[in-house]
């Protein structure tokens, strides 16, 4: 981002009245959501490949996929809780 982009971002943040807490919370949730969606996409793609290669193991693959997706979603929800804590507690 060069100095012009950083100056523009600083000006926009100061002009809009966004506090550091809100910006930090937005970054926490945004990065967690981005990481979660990338992880889910990779997991779903790999499980589809696995079912295509071994159709007889689709029940086991589906079970492991769902367990993995639940863990990924839990991390995103924890990030949301951290963002709420950043806004209201700190």
Protein backbone atom coordinates (compact mmCIF):
# COMPACT_ATOMS: atom_id res chain seq x y z
CA UNK A 1 0.00 0.00 0.00
CA UNK A 2 2.19 3.12 -0.37
CA UNK A 3 2.16 6.26 1.68
CA UNK A 4 -0.62 7.78 -0.47
CA UNK A 5 -2.87 4.80 0.20
CA UNK A 6 -2.08 4.88 3.91
CA UNK A 7 -2.78 8.61 4.09
CA UNK A 8 -6.08 8.11 2.25
CA UNK A 9 -7.08 5.29 4.60
CA UNK A 10 -6.18 7.39 7.64
CA UNK A 11 -8.17 10.32 6.31
CA UNK A 12 -11.22 8.16 5.61
CA UNK A 13 -11.10 6.57 9.05
CA UNK A 14 -10.77 9.92 10.82
CA UNK A 15 -13.46 11.58 8.69
CA UNK A 16 -16.00 8.79 9.18
CA UNK A 17 -15.55 8.66 12.94
CA UNK A 18 -14.59 4.99 12.99
CA UNK A 19 -12.72 4.20 16.15
CA UNK A 20 -9.78 1.86 16.46
CA UNK A 21 -12.00 -0.66 18.22
CA UNK A 22 -14.43 -0.85 15.33
CA UNK A 23 -11.64 -1.13 12.80
CA UNK A 24 -9.95 -3.88 14.82
CA UNK A 25 -13.21 -5.77 15.22
CA UNK A 26 -13.91 -5.50 11.51
CA UNK A 27 -10.46 -6.85 10.68
CA UNK A 28 -10.85 -9.76 13.12
CA UNK A 29 -14.21 -10.85 11.71
CA UNK A 30 -13.21 -10.22 8.10
CA UNK A 31 -10.00 -12.22 8.26
CA UNK A 32 -11.67 -15.06 10.15
CA UNK A 33 -14.49 -15.21 7.63
CA UNK A 34 -12.04 -15.15 4.74
CA UNK A 35 -9.93 -17.92 6.23
CA UNK A 36 -13.01 -19.96 7.07
CA UNK A 37 -14.45 -19.75 3.57
CA UNK A 38 -11.14 -20.66 1.97
CA UNK A 39 -10.80 -23.64 4.33
CA UNK A 40 -14.36 -24.77 3.67
CA UNK A 41 -13.90 -24.51 -0.07
CA UNK A 42 -10.73 -26.58 -0.01
CA UNK A 43 -12.35 -29.17 2.29
CA UNK A 44 -15.43 -29.54 0.10
CA UNK A 45 -13.31 -29.81 -3.04
CA UNK A 46 -11.07 -32.49 -1.57
CA UNK A 47 -14.02 -34.48 -0.25
CA UNK A 48 -15.67 -34.36 -3.68
CA UNK A 49 -12.47 -35.69 -5.22
CA UNK A 50 -12.34 -38.44 -2.59
CA UNK A 51 -15.91 -39.53 -3.25
CA UNK A 52 -15.21 -39.57 -6.98
CA UNK A 53 -12.22 -41.85 -6.43
CA UNK A 54 -13.83 -44.13 -3.83
CA UNK A 55 -17.63 -43.99 -4.00
CA UNK A 56 -17.96 -46.84 -1.50
CA UNK A 57 -16.37 -44.68 1.24
CA UNK A 58 -18.73 -41.73 0.81
CA UNK A 59 -20.38 -42.13 4.22
CA UNK A 60 -17.05 -41.99 6.06
CA UNK A 61 -15.88 -39.07 3.92
CA UNK A 62 -19.11 -37.18 4.54
CA UNK A 63 -18.80 -37.70 8.29
CA UNK A 64 -15.24 -36.42 8.38
CA UNK A 65 -16.16 -33.49 6.12
CA UNK A 66 -19.01 -32.41 8.39
CA UNK A 67 -16.80 -32.69 11.47
CA UNK A 68 -14.13 -30.54 9.81
CA UNK A 69 -16.67 -27.95 8.66
CA UNK A 70 -18.04 -27.70 12.20
CA UNK A 71 -14.56 -27.01 13.56
CA UNK A 72 -13.92 -24.35 10.91
CA UNK A 73 -17.24 -22.66 11.64
CA UNK A 74 -16.49 -22.75 15.37
CA UNK A 75 -13.28 -20.79 14.82
CA UNK A 76 -15.20 -18.15 12.86
CA UNK A 77 -17.77 -17.87 15.66
CA UNK A 78 -14.94 -17.50 18.21
CA UNK A 79 -13.55 -14.65 16.10
CA UNK A 80 -16.95 -12.98 16.17
CA UNK A 81 -17.00 -13.29 19.97
CA UNK A 82 -13.52 -11.78 20.17
CA UNK A 83 -14.66 -8.89 17.96
CA UNK A 84 -17.64 -8.26 20.24
CA UNK A 85 -15.31 -8.33 23.24
CA UNK A 86 -13.00 -5.83 21.53
CA UNK A 87 -15.88 -3.43 20.98
CA UNK A 88 -17.66 -3.66 24.33
CA UNK A 89 -15.03 -4.64 26.90
CA UNK A 90 -11.82 -2.89 25.95
